[in-house]
Amino acid sequence: MSGHAPPDFVCLGESMVTFLPSRPGRLADVPSFARAIGGAESNVACALAAAGHRVRWVGRVGRDGFGHHLVETIGAHGVDVTAVGRDPHRPTGIYFRTADDRAADAHEVVYYRAGSAASAMSPATVPYDCVADGRVLHLTGITAALSADCLALMRELTAARPGRPLVSFDVNHRPALWRDGAAPEVLLELARGADVVFVGADEAEALWGLMDPSAIRGVLPEPAVLVVKRGGEGAVAFERCAASSPTPPLPEPGAPPPGPRASNAGGADWPAQGAEFQPPATRTPDSVTTVPAPRVDVLAPVGAGDAFAAGFLSATLRGLDMTARLRHGHLMAAAALTVPGDVAVPPRRAHADRLAALDAGAWGTLHLGPGWTGDDQEVRTP
C-alpha cells in the first residue's frame, strides 16, 4: 500500500448487493425491488469517507457483475477499494429484505451468501499490511460468522501485537448467520480483544442474558471504551482512565504503542485464545457517560447502528470528549434513519458540530426529520 497517504480508517468485512422492496409487506407480496449496496463495514466506510476521512474498505467479491457494482459504488463514495480481492470461483453475496425494522417480528431478510467470495477471507487471502497501516481498524461480528477461515482472520486481527492500530469492534449479532450456537462465546472473545466495542442492549440480552449497561461492562472489562446502545433511549459509554479534558487525537501510524496491549487505546491485557477468561483483580475505574438520542422521524429503520459507529469513531479521531462522541454517533444514526438506503449521508461537519455543542436542554428537544442534514434545513424543537 506504499505510495499513498495511509488511511485514517480501515474497514474489513463483506459487502453485498441488497434488494430493497418497492413497498412494505411480506417478501412474497413485494412485486419489485431496487438494487442498492449493503454491508455493515462498507456502510461505516462510506459514512466516514463522506465525513472527510481517508478510508479503505477491505473485502472480497466475486469476479461478476454484482462484484463490479459493489466496488464501483463504494469507490464512488470516496473509499479506497484497491485492497478488495476478486474471486474468480465464488460469487458476490446478495440479499433481500422487507421494509420494516430489523427488530420487528414481521421483518424478513433472505441471504444468498453461503460460499460467497467474502467467506473465503482468511489470514492467507488478506495481507496484514492492507489492514494494519490505518489509525483505526473497524471490524464486526458478522465476519466471524461467515466461515471458519473468516473467524481465524478475526482472531488474528484482534490479537495483541506490537504496533497494532486501534481496533474497533461492533458486535453486530446476526442470529441467522450463527447456526452452531457459538455466537455468545465467539463474539465475547472477539470483543474482549478490541479497544473500542459497540453493542446493543438487545444484542447483549440475546447473547449473554444481560441488558443493564453496567452488567454488560462487567463481562467486557477489557476494552478501553465500551458503548452500549439503547435504541431510542440513547447510549451509555464506559471509558477507562477517565479524564475531564477531551481525549487526545489518536497517534499517526507507526507511532510507538502507548501501553502494555501494544495498541493505541491502552487497557488491560487479555488471555490467550482459548484460555478461560479471568476478570482482572484490579481495574482502573471507568467514567460513565449517558447521552439520550434525539427524536427522529424515521424513514427507513436500517443502517443506524453502522452510522452511529461512524459518527462516534470520527469524533474519536478528532479528539472530542465522550459526550460529543456519543452525540455525533446519534447524529450520524439520525442521518441514516432519515434516508431510504443503508448508507448515511452525513451533515456537513460544521452543522453537526453546532448540534453536538447544544446545551443539555436544547439537545433534549432536538427533533430531526428527512432532509435535516442540509445546512439550510430547519432543525425542529418543540
Protein backbone atom coordinates (compact mmCIF):
# COMPACT_ATOMS: atom_id res chain seq x y z
CA MET A 1 0.00 0.00 0.00
CA SER A 2 3.01 2.29 -0.46
CA GLY A 3 2.93 5.49 -2.45
CA HIS A 4 -0.27 6.82 -0.85
CA ALA A 5 -1.07 8.56 2.42
CA PRO A 6 -2.12 5.92 4.96
CA PRO A 7 -5.82 5.80 5.75
CA ASP A 8 -7.43 7.10 8.88
CA PHE A 9 -9.71 4.08 8.93
CA VAL A 10 -9.65 0.58 7.50
CA CYS A 11 -12.98 -1.29 7.50
CA LEU A 12 -12.91 -5.02 6.79
CA GLY A 13 -15.90 -7.20 6.02
CA GLU A 14 -18.38 -8.47 3.47
CA SER A 15 -20.42 -6.09 1.37
CA MET A 16 -23.35 -7.37 -0.65
CA VAL A 17 -25.80 -6.18 -3.23
CA THR A 18 -29.09 -5.66 -1.45
CA PHE A 19 -32.53 -5.56 -2.99
CA LEU A 20 -34.87 -3.06 -1.34
CA PRO A 21 -38.63 -3.65 -1.55
CA SER A 22 -40.77 -1.26 -3.54
CA ARG A 23 -43.42 -1.31 -0.82
CA PRO A 24 -43.99 -2.63 2.73
CA GLY A 25 -45.19 -6.16 3.23
CA ARG A 26 -44.03 -9.76 3.09
CA LEU A 27 -41.31 -10.65 0.62
CA ALA A 28 -43.83 -12.94 -1.05
CA ASP A 29 -46.06 -9.93 -1.74
CA VAL A 30 -43.48 -7.39 -2.91
CA PRO A 31 -43.71 -7.03 -6.71
CA SER A 32 -40.32 -5.43 -7.36
CA PHE A 33 -37.05 -4.44 -5.73
CA ALA A 34 -34.48 -1.69 -6.18
CA ARG A 35 -30.78 -2.56 -6.24
CA ALA A 36 -28.54 -0.99 -3.61
CA ILE A 37 -25.50 -1.96 -1.58
CA GLY A 38 -25.38 -3.20 1.98
CA GLY A 39 -22.76 -4.38 4.41
CA ALA A 40 -22.04 -3.17 7.93
CA GLU A 41 -18.35 -2.44 7.39
CA SER A 42 -18.72 -0.82 3.96
CA ASN A 43 -21.60 1.27 5.35
CA VAL A 44 -19.24 2.57 8.03
CA ALA A 45 -16.52 3.15 5.42
CA CYS A 46 -18.82 5.19 3.16
CA ALA A 47 -20.10 7.30 6.05
CA LEU A 48 -16.57 8.01 7.29
CA ALA A 49 -15.42 8.96 3.80
CA ALA A 50 -18.40 11.31 3.45
CA ALA A 51 -17.36 12.87 6.77
CA GLY A 52 -13.98 13.75 5.27
CA HIS A 53 -11.72 10.92 6.39
CA ARG A 54 -9.31 8.78 4.37
CA VAL A 55 -10.90 5.33 4.40
CA ARG A 56 -10.06 1.94 2.93
CA TRP A 57 -12.51 -0.93 2.61
CA VAL A 58 -11.00 -4.41 2.58
CA GLY A 59 -13.23 -7.22 1.39
CA ARG A 60 -13.63 -9.89 -1.24
CA VAL A 61 -16.13 -10.01 -4.10
CA GLY A 62 -16.83 -12.32 -6.99
CA ARG A 63 -15.49 -11.53 -10.42
CA ASP A 64 -19.06 -10.91 -11.56
CA GLY A 65 -21.41 -8.04 -12.30
CA PHE A 66 -22.56 -7.67 -8.70
CA GLY A 67 -18.95 -7.55 -7.52
CA HIS A 68 -18.08 -4.88 -10.07
CA HIS A 69 -21.11 -2.87 -8.99
CA LEU A 70 -20.12 -3.07 -5.32
CA VAL A 71 -16.55 -1.96 -5.88
CA GLU A 72 -17.54 0.87 -8.21
CA THR A 73 -20.31 2.12 -5.91
CA ILE A 74 -18.24 2.03 -2.73
CA GLY A 75 -15.33 3.65 -4.56
CA ALA A 76 -17.65 6.40 -5.77
CA HIS A 77 -18.24 7.31 -2.12
CA GLY A 78 -14.57 8.24 -1.86
CA VAL A 79 -13.44 4.96 -0.28
CA ASP A 80 -10.15 3.32 -1.28
CA VAL A 81 -11.07 -0.07 -2.78
CA THR A 82 -7.65 -1.08 -4.11
CA ALA A 83 -7.29 -3.84 -1.49
CA VAL A 84 -10.55 -5.59 -2.42
CA GLY A 85 -9.96 -9.15 -3.62
CA ARG A 86 -11.67 -10.50 -6.76
CA ASP A 87 -12.53 -14.19 -6.61
CA PRO A 88 -13.00 -15.93 -9.97
CA HIS A 89 -14.62 -19.01 -8.45
CA ARG A 90 -17.04 -17.70 -5.79
CA PRO A 91 -19.98 -15.30 -6.25
CA THR A 92 -20.71 -11.95 -4.66
CA GLY A 93 -23.29 -12.22 -1.89
CA ILE A 94 -26.77 -10.72 -2.29
CA TYR A 95 -29.77 -10.39 -0.03
CA PHE A 96 -33.40 -9.32 0.00
CA ARG A 97 -35.17 -7.69 2.94
CA THR A 98 -38.52 -6.25 3.92
CA ALA A 99 -39.03 -2.57 4.67
CA ASP A 100 -39.79 -2.85 8.38
CA ASP A 101 -37.48 -2.63 11.37
CA ARG A 102 -34.97 -5.47 11.71
CA ALA A 103 -36.13 -5.97 15.30
CA ALA A 104 -39.78 -6.34 14.30
CA ASP A 105 -41.35 -9.80 14.35
CA ALA A 106 -42.50 -9.39 10.74
CA HIS A 107 -39.06 -8.46 9.42
CA GLU A 108 -37.72 -10.80 6.75
CA VAL A 109 -34.24 -10.99 5.32
CA VAL A 110 -33.08 -13.68 2.91
CA TYR A 111 -29.36 -14.04 2.32
CA TYR A 112 -27.71 -15.66 -0.70
CA ARG A 113 -24.19 -15.53 0.70
CA ALA A 114 -23.23 -19.13 1.54
CA GLY A 115 -19.98 -19.88 -0.25
CA SER A 116 -19.60 -16.23 -1.23
CA ALA A 117 -16.30 -14.69 -2.19
CA ALA A 118 -16.17 -12.90 1.17
CA SER A 119 -16.47 -16.18 3.05
CA ALA A 120 -13.04 -17.07 1.66
CA MET A 121 -11.35 -14.23 3.54
CA SER A 122 -8.63 -15.65 5.77
CA PRO A 123 -5.18 -14.80 7.12
CA ALA A 124 -3.82 -16.22 3.85
CA THR A 125 -6.02 -14.16 1.49
CA VAL A 126 -6.00 -10.83 3.36
CA PRO A 127 -2.45 -9.45 3.73
CA TYR A 128 -1.95 -7.94 7.16
CA ASP A 129 -0.35 -4.79 5.77
CA CYS A 130 -3.60 -3.99 3.95
CA VAL A 131 -5.43 -3.61 7.25
CA ALA A 132 -2.74 -2.52 9.71
CA ASP A 133 -1.48 0.77 8.27
CA GLY A 134 -4.52 2.82 9.29
CA ARG A 135 -5.06 4.59 12.56
CA VAL A 136 -8.26 2.62 13.28
CA LEU A 137 -9.27 -0.86 12.11
CA HIS A 138 -13.04 -1.38 12.23
CA LEU A 139 -14.46 -4.91 12.38
CA THR A 140 -17.81 -6.51 13.16
CA GLY A 141 -19.04 -9.83 14.45
CA ILE A 142 -20.71 -10.55 11.12
CA THR A 143 -17.40 -11.52 9.53
CA ALA A 144 -16.72 -14.12 12.20
CA ALA A 145 -19.95 -15.92 11.30
CA LEU A 146 -19.20 -16.33 7.59
CA SER A 147 -16.74 -19.24 7.76
CA ALA A 148 -14.01 -20.88 9.82
CA ASP A 149 -11.43 -19.02 7.72
CA CYS A 150 -13.13 -15.69 8.44
CA LEU A 151 -13.15 -16.47 12.15
CA ALA A 152 -9.44 -17.26 12.01
CA LEU A 153 -8.84 -13.90 10.34
CA MET A 154 -10.86 -12.10 13.01
CA ARG A 155 -8.90 -13.81 15.76
CA GLU A 156 -5.65 -12.75 14.13
CA LEU A 157 -6.76 -9.13 13.78
CA THR A 158 -7.96 -8.84 17.39
CA ALA A 159 -4.85 -10.50 18.84
CA ALA A 160 -2.33 -8.35 20.72
CA ARG A 161 0.74 -7.43 18.69
CA PRO A 162 3.20 -4.52 18.66
CA GLY A 163 2.08 -1.53 16.61
CA ARG A 164 -1.47 -2.76 16.16
CA PRO A 165 -3.89 0.00 15.15
CA LEU A 166 -6.74 0.84 17.45
CA VAL A 167 -9.29 -1.93 16.90
CA SER A 168 -12.97 -1.04 16.83
CA PHE A 169 -15.46 -3.92 17.06
CA ASP A 170 -19.21 -3.76 16.58
CA VAL A 171 -20.79 -6.96 17.94
CA ASN A 172 -23.49 -6.82 15.23
CA HIS A 173 -25.15 -10.09 16.18
CA ARG A 174 -26.99 -11.67 13.25
CA PRO A 175 -28.73 -14.79 14.60
CA ALA A 176 -29.48 -16.13 11.11
CA LEU A 177 -25.75 -16.47 10.43
CA TRP A 178 -24.98 -18.45 13.59
CA ARG A 179 -26.36 -21.97 13.32
CA ASP A 180 -23.97 -23.74 15.68
CA GLY A 181 -24.76 -21.90 18.92
CA ALA A 182 -21.24 -20.47 19.12
CA ALA A 183 -22.18 -16.79 18.87
CA PRO A 184 -22.22 -15.92 22.60
CA GLU A 185 -18.73 -17.32 23.23
CA VAL A 186 -17.12 -16.21 19.98
CA LEU A 187 -18.46 -12.65 19.99
CA LEU A 188 -17.47 -12.18 23.63
CA GLU A 189 -13.98 -13.44 22.85
CA LEU A 190 -13.52 -11.06 19.93
CA ALA A 191 -14.97 -8.09 21.82
CA ARG A 192 -12.52 -8.69 24.65
CA GLY A 193 -9.68 -8.31 22.17
CA ALA A 194 -10.79 -4.92 20.87
CA ASP A 195 -10.10 -1.39 22.08
CA VAL A 196 -13.49 0.16 21.28
CA VAL A 197 -16.63 -2.01 21.36
CA PHE A 198 -20.20 -1.22 20.29
CA VAL A 199 -23.05 -3.45 21.40
CA GLY A 200 -26.81 -3.01 21.53
CA ALA A 201 -28.52 -3.77 24.82
CA ASP A 202 -30.89 -6.03 22.88
CA GLU A 203 -27.93 -7.91 21.41
CA ALA A 204 -26.34 -8.34 24.83
CA GLU A 205 -29.60 -9.74 26.19
CA ALA A 206 -29.87 -12.25 23.34
CA LEU A 207 -26.23 -13.29 23.61
CA TRP A 208 -25.41 -13.15 27.30
CA GLY A 209 -28.72 -12.58 29.08
CA LEU A 210 -27.73 -9.04 30.07
CA MET A 211 -29.41 -5.70 29.35
CA ASP A 212 -28.15 -3.41 32.10
CA PRO A 213 -25.16 -1.44 30.77
CA SER A 214 -23.16 -1.91 33.98
CA ALA A 215 -23.70 -5.67 33.83
CA ILE A 216 -22.56 -5.69 30.20
CA ARG A 217 -19.43 -3.80 31.23
CA GLY A 218 -18.93 -6.45 33.89
CA VAL A 219 -18.42 -9.17 31.26
CA LEU A 220 -16.48 -6.82 28.97
CA PRO A 221 -13.95 -5.07 31.24
CA GLU A 222 -11.06 -5.22 28.77
CA PRO A 223 -11.95 -2.66 26.07
CA ALA A 224 -10.77 0.86 26.80
CA VAL A 225 -14.17 2.09 25.59
CA LEU A 226 -17.47 0.21 25.64
CA VAL A 227 -20.57 1.79 24.11
CA VAL A 228 -23.93 0.23 24.94
CA LYS A 229 -26.63 1.36 22.52
CA ARG A 230 -30.18 1.50 23.83
CA GLY A 231 -32.15 2.38 20.72
CA GLY A 232 -34.38 5.41 21.10
CA GLU A 233 -33.31 5.83 24.72
CA GLY A 234 -29.75 6.76 23.76
CA ALA A 235 -26.36 5.28 24.55
CA VAL A 236 -24.07 4.74 27.53
CA ALA A 237 -20.27 4.82 27.22
CA PHE A 238 -17.78 3.38 29.68
CA GLU A 239 -14.27 4.79 29.28
CA ARG A 240 -11.13 3.62 31.02
CA CYS A 241 -8.83 6.17 32.69
CA ALA A 242 -11.42 8.93 32.81
CA ALA A 243 -10.31 12.50 32.30
CA SER A 244 -12.21 15.74 32.39
CA SER A 245 -10.43 17.02 29.30
CA PRO A 246 -11.07 15.75 25.75
CA THR A 247 -9.32 12.57 24.70
CA PRO A 248 -6.25 13.46 22.62
CA PRO A 249 -6.36 12.56 18.94
CA LEU A 250 -5.03 9.13 18.03
CA PRO A 251 -1.35 8.91 17.08
CA GLU A 252 -0.33 8.59 13.47
CA PRO A 253 0.50 5.12 12.05
CA GLY A 254 3.92 3.88 13.13
CA ALA A 255 3.97 5.80 16.42
CA PRO A 256 5.18 3.76 19.42
CA PRO A 257 2.38 1.86 21.12
CA PRO A 258 1.40 3.60 24.34
CA GLY A 259 0.54 0.72 26.63
CA PRO A 260 1.02 -2.95 27.51
CA ARG A 261 -1.59 -4.05 24.98
CA ALA A 262 0.55 -2.90 22.05
CA SER A 263 -2.45 -0.91 20.92
CA ASN A 264 -3.31 2.76 20.64
CA ALA A 265 -6.10 2.62 23.18
CA GLY A 266 -4.27 1.05 26.09
CA GLY A 267 -6.09 -1.05 28.68
CA ALA A 268 -5.67 -4.37 30.45
CA ASP A 269 -4.15 -7.49 29.00
CA TRP A 270 -6.43 -10.28 27.82
CA PRO A 271 -5.98 -14.06 27.89
CA ALA A 272 -4.57 -16.08 25.04
CA GLN A 273 -7.04 -17.52 22.53
CA GLY A 274 -8.89 -20.44 24.06
CA ALA A 275 -7.88 -19.61 27.63
CA GLU A 276 -10.61 -19.30 30.23
CA PHE A 277 -11.36 -15.67 30.97
CA GLN A 278 -10.45 -14.42 34.42
CA PRO A 279 -11.58 -10.92 35.44
CA PRO A 280 -8.67 -8.67 36.38
CA ALA A 281 -8.06 -8.34 40.09
CA THR A 282 -7.91 -4.58 39.81
CA ARG A 283 -9.05 -2.24 37.09
CA THR A 284 -8.88 1.48 36.59
CA PRO A 285 -12.32 2.97 37.31
CA ASP A 286 -14.46 3.98 34.36
CA SER A 287 -16.05 7.26 33.57
CA VAL A 288 -19.66 6.67 32.54
CA THR A 289 -21.37 8.99 30.07
CA THR A 290 -25.02 8.75 29.08
CA VAL A 291 -26.43 10.72 26.15
CA PRO A 292 -30.09 10.47 25.09
CA ALA A 293 -30.94 10.04 21.43
CA PRO A 294 -32.70 12.91 19.65
CA ARG A 295 -36.23 12.42 18.39
CA VAL A 296 -36.12 11.22 14.77
CA ASP A 297 -38.85 10.88 12.14
CA VAL A 298 -37.73 7.51 10.78
CA LEU A 299 -37.94 6.93 7.06
CA ALA A 300 -36.13 3.57 6.95
CA PRO A 301 -35.03 1.74 10.12
CA VAL A 302 -31.80 0.24 8.76
CA GLY A 303 -28.17 1.28 8.85
CA ALA A 304 -28.44 3.29 12.06
CA GLY A 305 -26.02 1.14 14.05
CA ASP A 306 -23.34 1.37 11.37
CA ALA A 307 -23.86 5.12 11.09
CA PHE A 308 -23.63 5.52 14.87
CA ALA A 309 -20.27 3.76 14.87
CA ALA A 310 -19.04 6.01 12.05
CA GLY A 311 -20.08 9.19 13.84
CA PHE A 312 -18.55 8.04 17.13
CA LEU A 313 -15.27 6.94 15.53
CA SER A 314 -14.97 10.14 13.51
CA ALA A 315 -15.34 12.20 16.69
CA THR A 316 -12.85 9.92 18.47
CA LEU A 317 -10.25 10.52 15.78
CA ARG A 318 -10.82 14.27 16.18
CA GLY A 319 -10.10 14.06 19.92
CA LEU A 320 -13.58 15.15 21.04
CA ASP A 321 -14.83 14.39 24.52
CA MET A 322 -17.13 11.47 25.23
CA THR A 323 -20.36 13.44 25.24
CA ALA A 324 -19.52 14.88 21.83
CA ARG A 325 -18.56 11.45 20.50
CA LEU A 326 -21.89 9.98 21.56
CA ARG A 327 -23.81 12.95 20.16
CA HIS A 328 -22.01 12.67 16.82
CA GLY A 329 -22.91 8.97 16.84
CA HIS A 330 -26.57 9.82 17.38
CA LEU A 331 -26.49 12.48 14.66
CA MET A 332 -24.97 10.13 12.11
CA ALA A 333 -27.54 7.47 13.07
CA ALA A 334 -30.30 10.03 12.53
CA ALA A 335 -28.84 10.74 9.10
CA ALA A 336 -29.19 7.04 8.23
CA LEU A 337 -32.70 6.76 9.66
CA THR A 338 -33.97 9.63 7.52
CA VAL A 339 -32.88 8.24 4.13
CA PRO A 340 -34.25 5.15 2.32
CA GLY A 341 -30.97 3.20 1.89
CA ASP A 342 -28.41 1.73 4.28
CA VAL A 343 -25.71 4.40 3.80
CA ALA A 344 -25.94 7.61 5.79
CA VAL A 345 -25.47 10.97 4.11
CA PRO A 346 -23.91 12.93 6.97
CA PRO A 347 -24.43 16.61 7.65
CA ARG A 348 -21.56 18.97 7.00
CA ARG A 349 -19.09 18.86 9.86
CA ALA A 350 -19.81 22.43 10.96
CA HIS A 351 -23.55 21.67 11.01
CA ALA A 352 -23.04 18.53 13.10
CA ASP A 353 -20.63 20.34 15.43
CA ARG A 354 -23.20 23.05 16.07
CA LEU A 355 -25.82 20.48 17.02
CA ALA A 356 -23.40 18.43 19.11
CA ALA A 357 -22.49 21.58 21.07
CA LEU A 358 -26.10 22.33 22.12
CA ASP A 359 -26.72 22.61 25.83
CA ALA A 360 -28.46 19.69 27.51
CA GLY A 361 -31.88 21.30 27.34
CA ALA A 362 -31.69 22.09 23.62
CA TRP A 363 -30.25 18.66 22.84
CA GLY A 364 -33.12 17.06 24.74
CA THR A 365 -35.68 18.75 22.47
CA LEU A 366 -33.89 18.10 19.19
CA HIS A 367 -36.24 16.73 16.51
CA LEU A 368 -34.78 15.54 13.20
CA GLY A 369 -36.64 14.52 10.05
CA PRO A 370 -35.88 13.75 6.40
CA GLY A 371 -33.69 16.44 4.87
CA TRP A 372 -32.29 17.67 8.20
CA THR A 373 -28.68 17.15 7.13
CA GLY A 374 -28.78 20.10 4.74
CA ASP A 375 -27.37 23.32 6.17
CA ASP A 376 -30.45 25.22 5.01
CA GLN A 377 -32.91 22.85 6.69
CA GLU A 378 -34.63 23.81 9.89
CA VAL A 379 -33.97 21.55 12.85
CA ARG A 380 -37.15 21.45 14.87
CA THR A 381 -37.63 21.70 18.59
CA PRO A 382 -40.98 21.62 20.38
